[in-house]
């Protein structure tokens, strides 16, 4: 339970930091928000929790697949 709270705190802190940066400077806020921070964070949490490598690989594959779909936006 403690580890879940740590994950929520770290993830929420990153989201708050990005939104605060966006308030100060639109360009830098957009740049930071567009970075794959959440993907790397998710991969880190999955690796740290000893999720099987095939699940991590599938997550990366689906992320890349969905990334292509969001390029027009």
Protein backbone atom coordinates (compact mmCIF):
# COMPACT_ATOMS: atom_id res chain seq x y z
CA UNK A 1 0.00 0.00 0.00
CA UNK A 2 2.86 2.37 0.82
CA UNK A 3 4.42 1.82 -2.61
CA UNK A 4 1.15 2.74 -4.34
CA UNK A 5 1.05 5.98 -2.35
CA UNK A 6 4.66 6.73 -3.37
CA UNK A 7 3.76 6.14 -7.03
CA UNK A 8 0.75 8.43 -6.78
CA UNK A 9 2.78 11.15 -5.04
CA UNK A 10 5.64 11.05 -7.55
CA UNK A 11 3.31 11.00 -10.55
CA UNK A 12 1.11 13.79 -9.19
CA UNK A 13 4.20 15.88 -8.41
CA UNK A 14 5.35 15.63 -12.02
CA UNK A 15 1.91 16.63 -13.31
CA UNK A 16 1.76 19.61 -10.97
CA UNK A 17 5.28 20.69 -11.95
CA UNK A 18 4.41 20.58 -15.65
CA UNK A 19 1.23 22.59 -15.12
CA UNK A 20 3.12 25.19 -13.07
CA UNK A 21 5.80 25.47 -15.75
CA UNK A 22 3.05 25.96 -18.35
CA UNK A 23 1.62 28.85 -16.31
CA UNK A 24 4.97 30.64 -16.41
CA UNK A 25 6.04 29.92 -19.98
CA UNK A 26 3.73 28.41 -22.61
CA UNK A 27 6.52 27.19 -24.88
CA UNK A 28 8.53 25.42 -22.21
CA UNK A 29 5.35 24.05 -20.62
CA UNK A 30 4.28 22.57 -23.94
CA UNK A 31 7.73 21.14 -24.53
CA UNK A 32 7.86 19.47 -21.12
CA UNK A 33 4.29 18.18 -21.47
CA UNK A 34 5.11 16.69 -24.89
CA UNK A 35 8.10 14.78 -23.54
CA UNK A 36 7.50 11.11 -22.92
CA UNK A 37 7.83 11.57 -19.16
CA UNK A 38 4.78 9.50 -18.31
CA UNK A 39 5.85 6.64 -20.56
CA UNK A 40 9.27 6.45 -18.95
CA UNK A 41 7.74 6.72 -15.51
CA UNK A 42 5.30 3.90 -16.27
CA UNK A 43 8.10 1.73 -17.64
CA UNK A 44 10.17 2.43 -14.53
CA UNK A 45 7.29 1.47 -12.23
CA UNK A 46 6.62 -1.71 -14.22
CA UNK A 47 10.30 -2.70 -14.18
CA UNK A 48 10.63 -1.92 -10.47
CA UNK A 49 7.58 -4.08 -9.68
CA UNK A 50 9.10 -7.03 -11.60
CA UNK A 51 6.44 -7.09 -14.30
CA UNK A 52 7.38 -9.71 -16.92
CA UNK A 53 9.43 -8.31 -19.77
CA UNK A 54 6.89 -9.44 -22.36
CA UNK A 55 4.24 -7.24 -20.66
CA UNK A 56 6.63 -4.27 -20.69
CA UNK A 57 7.42 -4.93 -24.34
CA UNK A 58 3.73 -5.11 -25.21
CA UNK A 59 3.16 -1.81 -23.39
CA UNK A 60 5.92 -0.15 -25.43
CA UNK A 61 4.51 -1.56 -28.68
CA UNK A 62 1.00 -0.31 -27.93
CA UNK A 63 2.34 3.08 -26.86
CA UNK A 64 4.15 3.47 -30.18
CA UNK A 65 1.06 2.31 -32.07
CA UNK A 66 -1.14 4.86 -30.31
CA UNK A 67 1.50 7.55 -30.72
CA UNK A 68 1.19 7.26 -34.50
CA UNK A 69 -2.56 7.76 -34.19
CA UNK A 70 -2.12 10.97 -32.20
CA UNK A 71 0.38 12.66 -34.56
CA UNK A 72 -2.35 14.49 -36.55
CA UNK A 73 -3.43 16.27 -33.37
